[in-house]
């Protein structure tokens, strides 16, 4: 692990042609991400209030489940994050803040 990574100790899984826990969880996370994206689009396009409420409930459920699966992967060291450079964050903030000011100017 290098100093630019944020991660937990990796839980080792069997190698080879057999699917392991990491493979299943990765597939589940990908599927949940896609479901959340699709429900987000549906929420912006649905015109019926009853249907909107149903979609919103499903969106919230899948979104929470997606977060739980991500956290499980992170805890097991299967999802690694990289630290962002402070200067990059500051520059991005300034750029977005300027764009915001231009829109409201």
N, C-alpha and C. Protein backbone atom coordinates (compact mmCIF):
# COMPACT_ATOMS: atom_id res chain seq x y z
N UNK A 1 0.85 -1.19 0.00
CA UNK A 1 0.00 0.00 0.00
C UNK A 1 0.88 1.23 0.00
N UNK A 2 0.56 2.20 -0.88
CA UNK A 2 1.33 3.43 -0.87
C UNK A 2 0.61 4.48 -0.04
N UNK A 3 1.28 5.60 0.20
CA UNK A 3 0.74 6.65 1.06
C UNK A 3 -0.45 7.38 0.46
N UNK A 4 -0.71 7.17 -0.83
CA UNK A 4 -1.83 7.85 -1.48
C UNK A 4 -3.10 7.01 -1.48
N UNK A 5 -3.06 5.85 -0.86
CA UNK A 5 -4.22 4.98 -0.85
C UNK A 5 -4.88 4.97 0.53
N UNK A 6 -6.19 4.86 0.49
CA UNK A 6 -6.98 4.71 1.70
C UNK A 6 -7.66 3.36 1.59
N UNK A 7 -7.28 2.42 2.45
CA UNK A 7 -7.87 1.09 2.36
C UNK A 7 -7.68 0.34 3.66
N UNK A 8 -8.36 -0.77 3.76
CA UNK A 8 -8.25 -1.69 4.88
C UNK A 8 -7.41 -2.88 4.44
N UNK A 9 -6.94 -3.69 5.39
CA UNK A 9 -6.22 -4.91 5.00
C UNK A 9 -7.11 -5.78 4.11
N UNK A 10 -6.53 -6.29 3.05
CA UNK A 10 -7.27 -7.08 2.08
C UNK A 10 -7.54 -8.48 2.60
N UNK A 11 -8.79 -8.90 2.53
CA UNK A 11 -9.17 -10.28 2.84
C UNK A 11 -8.88 -11.09 1.58
N UNK A 12 -8.00 -12.05 1.72
CA UNK A 12 -7.61 -12.86 0.56
C UNK A 12 -8.75 -13.79 0.16
N UNK A 13 -8.87 -13.99 -1.15
CA UNK A 13 -9.88 -14.88 -1.70
C UNK A 13 -9.19 -15.89 -2.60
N UNK A 14 -9.81 -17.04 -2.82
CA UNK A 14 -9.19 -18.05 -3.69
C UNK A 14 -8.99 -17.51 -5.10
N UNK A 15 -7.87 -17.89 -5.70
CA UNK A 15 -7.57 -17.51 -7.08
C UNK A 15 -7.97 -18.64 -8.01
N UNK A 16 -8.12 -18.30 -9.28
CA UNK A 16 -8.40 -19.34 -10.26
C UNK A 16 -9.73 -19.12 -10.96
N UNK A 17 -10.24 -20.16 -11.55
CA UNK A 17 -11.44 -20.09 -12.38
C UNK A 17 -12.73 -20.08 -11.58
N UNK A 18 -12.67 -20.35 -10.29
CA UNK A 18 -13.85 -20.42 -9.45
C UNK A 18 -14.19 -19.01 -8.94
N UNK A 19 -15.47 -18.66 -8.99
CA UNK A 19 -15.89 -17.37 -8.44
C UNK A 19 -15.74 -17.39 -6.92
N UNK A 20 -15.31 -16.26 -6.37
CA UNK A 20 -15.13 -16.17 -4.93
C UNK A 20 -16.00 -15.04 -4.38
N UNK A 21 -15.93 -14.82 -3.07
CA UNK A 21 -16.76 -13.80 -2.43
C UNK A 21 -16.56 -12.42 -3.05
N UNK A 22 -15.31 -12.07 -3.32
CA UNK A 22 -15.03 -10.75 -3.92
C UNK A 22 -15.70 -10.62 -5.28
N UNK A 23 -15.66 -11.66 -6.09
CA UNK A 23 -16.29 -11.65 -7.41
C UNK A 23 -17.80 -11.42 -7.30
N UNK A 24 -18.43 -12.16 -6.39
CA UNK A 24 -19.88 -12.02 -6.22
C UNK A 24 -20.25 -10.63 -5.71
N UNK A 25 -19.50 -10.14 -4.74
CA UNK A 25 -19.80 -8.82 -4.17
C UNK A 25 -19.54 -7.72 -5.20
N UNK A 26 -18.49 -7.85 -5.99
CA UNK A 26 -18.20 -6.86 -7.04
C UNK A 26 -19.32 -6.82 -8.07
N UNK A 27 -19.80 -7.99 -8.44
CA UNK A 27 -20.91 -8.07 -9.39
C UNK A 27 -22.17 -7.44 -8.80
N UNK A 28 -22.43 -7.73 -7.55
CA UNK A 28 -23.59 -7.15 -6.87
C UNK A 28 -23.49 -5.63 -6.82
N UNK A 29 -22.30 -5.12 -6.47
CA UNK A 29 -22.12 -3.67 -6.41
C UNK A 29 -22.35 -3.02 -7.77
N UNK A 30 -21.82 -3.60 -8.82
CA UNK A 30 -22.03 -3.07 -10.18
C UNK A 30 -23.51 -3.05 -10.55
N UNK A 31 -24.20 -4.12 -10.22
CA UNK A 31 -25.64 -4.19 -10.52
C UNK A 31 -26.41 -3.14 -9.74
N UNK A 32 -26.09 -2.99 -8.46
CA UNK A 32 -26.79 -1.99 -7.64
C UNK A 32 -26.50 -0.58 -8.12
N UNK A 33 -25.28 -0.30 -8.53
CA UNK A 33 -24.95 1.03 -9.06
C UNK A 33 -25.81 1.33 -10.29
N UNK A 34 -25.93 0.33 -11.16
CA UNK A 34 -26.73 0.52 -12.38
C UNK A 34 -28.21 0.72 -12.03
N UNK A 35 -28.72 -0.04 -11.08
CA UNK A 35 -30.11 0.13 -10.65
C UNK A 35 -30.35 1.54 -10.09
N UNK A 36 -29.44 2.00 -9.26
CA UNK A 36 -29.59 3.34 -8.68
C UNK A 36 -29.59 4.40 -9.78
N UNK A 37 -28.69 4.26 -10.74
CA UNK A 37 -28.66 5.22 -11.87
C UNK A 37 -29.98 5.19 -12.64
N UNK A 38 -30.48 3.99 -12.94
CA UNK A 38 -31.72 3.87 -13.70
C UNK A 38 -32.91 4.45 -12.94
N UNK A 39 -32.97 4.19 -11.65
CA UNK A 39 -34.07 4.76 -10.86
C UNK A 39 -33.96 6.28 -10.77
N UNK A 40 -32.74 6.80 -10.71
CA UNK A 40 -32.57 8.25 -10.69
C UNK A 40 -33.12 8.88 -11.97
N UNK A 41 -32.84 8.26 -13.10
CA UNK A 41 -33.38 8.75 -14.37
C UNK A 41 -34.90 8.64 -14.37
N UNK A 42 -35.42 7.51 -13.91
CA UNK A 42 -36.88 7.32 -13.86
C UNK A 42 -37.56 8.37 -13.00
N UNK A 43 -36.93 8.71 -11.87
CA UNK A 43 -37.52 9.73 -10.99
C UNK A 43 -37.62 11.09 -11.66
N UNK A 44 -36.69 11.39 -12.54
CA UNK A 44 -36.74 12.70 -13.22
C UNK A 44 -37.75 12.73 -14.36
N UNK A 45 -38.23 11.55 -14.78
CA UNK A 45 -39.11 11.50 -15.94
C UNK A 45 -40.55 11.07 -15.65
N UNK A 46 -40.78 10.50 -14.47
CA UNK A 46 -42.13 10.00 -14.17
C UNK A 46 -43.06 11.17 -13.87
N UNK A 47 -44.29 11.09 -14.38
CA UNK A 47 -45.24 12.19 -14.18
C UNK A 47 -46.34 11.85 -13.17
N UNK A 48 -46.54 10.59 -12.89
CA UNK A 48 -47.58 10.15 -11.97
C UNK A 48 -47.05 10.14 -10.54
N UNK A 49 -47.75 10.81 -9.62
CA UNK A 49 -47.27 10.92 -8.22
C UNK A 49 -47.18 9.58 -7.52
N UNK A 50 -48.14 8.70 -7.75
CA UNK A 50 -48.12 7.39 -7.12
C UNK A 50 -46.91 6.59 -7.60
N UNK A 51 -46.68 6.61 -8.89
CA UNK A 51 -45.54 5.91 -9.46
C UNK A 51 -44.23 6.54 -8.97
N UNK A 52 -44.21 7.87 -8.88
CA UNK A 52 -43.03 8.56 -8.37
C UNK A 52 -42.71 8.09 -6.95
N UNK A 53 -43.72 7.99 -6.10
CA UNK A 53 -43.52 7.54 -4.72
C UNK A 53 -42.96 6.12 -4.67
N UNK A 54 -43.50 5.25 -5.53
CA UNK A 54 -43.01 3.87 -5.58
C UNK A 54 -41.55 3.82 -6.04
N UNK A 55 -41.24 4.56 -7.10
CA UNK A 55 -39.87 4.60 -7.61
C UNK A 55 -38.92 5.19 -6.57
N UNK A 56 -39.37 6.22 -5.87
CA UNK A 56 -38.53 6.88 -4.86
C UNK A 56 -38.21 5.91 -3.74
N UNK A 57 -39.18 5.14 -3.32
CA UNK A 57 -38.97 4.15 -2.26
C UNK A 57 -37.96 3.10 -2.71
N UNK A 58 -38.09 2.63 -3.97
CA UNK A 58 -37.15 1.64 -4.49
C UNK A 58 -35.76 2.26 -4.65
N UNK A 59 -35.71 3.51 -5.12
CA UNK A 59 -34.43 4.21 -5.25
C UNK A 59 -33.72 4.28 -3.90
N UNK A 60 -34.45 4.68 -2.86
CA UNK A 60 -33.87 4.80 -1.52
C UNK A 60 -33.37 3.44 -1.02
N UNK A 61 -34.14 2.40 -1.26
CA UNK A 61 -33.76 1.05 -0.83
C UNK A 61 -32.49 0.59 -1.53
N UNK A 62 -32.46 0.71 -2.86
CA UNK A 62 -31.29 0.26 -3.62
C UNK A 62 -30.07 1.13 -3.33
N UNK A 63 -30.30 2.41 -3.13
CA UNK A 63 -29.19 3.31 -2.81
C UNK A 63 -28.56 2.94 -1.48
N UNK A 64 -29.38 2.66 -0.48
CA UNK A 64 -28.86 2.24 0.83
C UNK A 64 -28.14 0.90 0.73
N UNK A 65 -28.71 -0.02 -0.02
CA UNK A 65 -28.09 -1.33 -0.19
C UNK A 65 -26.75 -1.20 -0.92
N UNK A 66 -26.71 -0.35 -1.92
CA UNK A 66 -25.46 -0.12 -2.65
C UNK A 66 -24.39 0.40 -1.71
N UNK A 67 -24.76 1.32 -0.83
CA UNK A 67 -23.80 1.86 0.13
C UNK A 67 -23.31 0.78 1.10
N UNK A 68 -24.21 -0.07 1.55
CA UNK A 68 -23.82 -1.16 2.45
C UNK A 68 -22.84 -2.13 1.78
N UNK A 69 -23.10 -2.44 0.52
CA UNK A 69 -22.22 -3.35 -0.21
C UNK A 69 -20.86 -2.69 -0.42
N UNK A 70 -20.85 -1.41 -0.78
CA UNK A 70 -19.58 -0.68 -0.91
C UNK A 70 -18.80 -0.72 0.40
N UNK A 71 -19.47 -0.45 1.52
CA UNK A 71 -18.79 -0.45 2.82
C UNK A 71 -18.25 -1.84 3.16
N UNK A 72 -18.98 -2.89 2.81
CA UNK A 72 -18.50 -4.25 3.03
C UNK A 72 -17.23 -4.50 2.22
N UNK A 73 -17.23 -4.08 0.97
CA UNK A 73 -16.04 -4.26 0.14
C UNK A 73 -14.86 -3.45 0.69
N UNK A 74 -15.13 -2.24 1.14
CA UNK A 74 -14.06 -1.40 1.69
C UNK A 74 -13.48 -2.02 2.96
N UNK A 75 -14.36 -2.51 3.84
CA UNK A 75 -13.90 -3.15 5.08
C UNK A 75 -13.01 -4.37 4.81
N UNK A 76 -13.31 -5.08 3.73
CA UNK A 76 -12.55 -6.27 3.37
C UNK A 76 -11.32 -5.97 2.52
N UNK A 77 -11.06 -4.68 2.27
CA UNK A 77 -9.89 -4.30 1.49
C UNK A 77 -10.03 -4.55 0.00
N UNK A 78 -11.26 -4.73 -0.47
CA UNK A 78 -11.50 -5.01 -1.88
C UNK A 78 -11.84 -3.75 -2.67
N UNK A 79 -11.91 -2.62 -2.00
CA UNK A 79 -12.21 -1.35 -2.65
C UNK A 79 -11.21 -0.35 -2.09
N UNK A 80 -10.32 0.13 -2.93
CA UNK A 80 -9.25 1.02 -2.50
C UNK A 80 -9.52 2.42 -3.03
N UNK A 81 -9.37 3.40 -2.18
CA UNK A 81 -9.53 4.80 -2.55
C UNK A 81 -8.16 5.46 -2.60
N UNK A 82 -8.06 6.52 -3.36
CA UNK A 82 -6.81 7.28 -3.41
C UNK A 82 -7.04 8.65 -2.81
N UNK A 83 -6.05 9.11 -2.05
CA UNK A 83 -6.11 10.44 -1.48
C UNK A 83 -6.00 11.46 -2.61
N UNK A 84 -6.76 12.53 -2.51
CA UNK A 84 -6.69 13.60 -3.49
C UNK A 84 -5.67 14.63 -3.02
N UNK A 85 -4.97 15.16 -3.97
CA UNK A 85 -4.01 16.21 -3.69
C UNK A 85 -4.76 17.46 -3.22
N UNK A 86 -4.30 18.07 -2.14
CA UNK A 86 -4.97 19.24 -1.57
C UNK A 86 -5.05 20.38 -2.58
N UNK A 87 -4.03 20.55 -3.37
CA UNK A 87 -4.05 21.62 -4.38
C UNK A 87 -5.11 21.37 -5.45
N UNK A 88 -5.28 20.12 -5.86
CA UNK A 88 -6.31 19.80 -6.84
C UNK A 88 -7.70 20.11 -6.29
N UNK A 89 -7.93 19.75 -5.04
CA UNK A 89 -9.22 20.02 -4.41
C UNK A 89 -9.46 21.52 -4.34
N UNK A 90 -8.47 22.26 -3.91
CA UNK A 90 -8.59 23.71 -3.79
C UNK A 90 -8.85 24.36 -5.16
N UNK A 91 -8.11 23.92 -6.17
CA UNK A 91 -8.30 24.47 -7.52
C UNK A 91 -9.69 24.16 -8.06
N UNK A 92 -10.15 22.94 -7.85
CA UNK A 92 -11.49 22.56 -8.31
C UNK A 92 -12.56 23.38 -7.60
N UNK A 93 -12.39 23.57 -6.30
CA UNK A 93 -13.33 24.38 -5.54
C UNK A 93 -13.38 25.80 -6.09
N UNK A 94 -12.23 26.38 -6.35
CA UNK A 94 -12.18 27.75 -6.87
C UNK A 94 -12.85 27.84 -8.23
N UNK A 95 -12.59 26.86 -9.09
CA UNK A 95 -13.20 26.84 -10.42
C UNK A 95 -14.73 26.75 -10.33
N UNK A 96 -15.21 25.80 -9.52
CA UNK A 96 -16.66 25.64 -9.38
C UNK A 96 -17.30 26.84 -8.70
N UNK A 97 -16.63 27.41 -7.73
CA UNK A 97 -17.14 28.59 -7.05
C UNK A 97 -17.24 29.77 -8.02
N UNK A 98 -16.24 29.92 -8.88
CA UNK A 98 -16.27 31.00 -9.87
C UNK A 98 -17.42 30.79 -10.86
N UNK A 99 -17.62 29.57 -11.30
CA UNK A 99 -18.73 29.26 -12.20
C UNK A 99 -20.07 29.57 -11.52
N UNK A 100 -20.17 29.23 -10.25
CA UNK A 100 -21.39 29.51 -9.50
C UNK A 100 -21.63 31.01 -9.42
N UNK A 101 -20.56 31.76 -9.12
CA UNK A 101 -20.67 33.23 -9.02
C UNK A 101 -21.07 33.82 -10.38
N UNK A 102 -20.52 33.29 -11.46
CA UNK A 102 -20.85 33.77 -12.81
C UNK A 102 -22.33 33.53 -13.12
N UNK A 103 -22.84 32.38 -12.68
CA UNK A 103 -24.26 32.08 -12.92
C UNK A 103 -25.18 33.01 -12.15
N UNK A 104 -24.77 33.41 -10.96
CA UNK A 104 -25.59 34.26 -10.11
C UNK A 104 -25.27 35.74 -10.27
N UNK A 105 -24.25 36.05 -11.08
CA UNK A 105 -23.76 37.41 -11.21
C UNK A 105 -24.64 38.30 -11.96
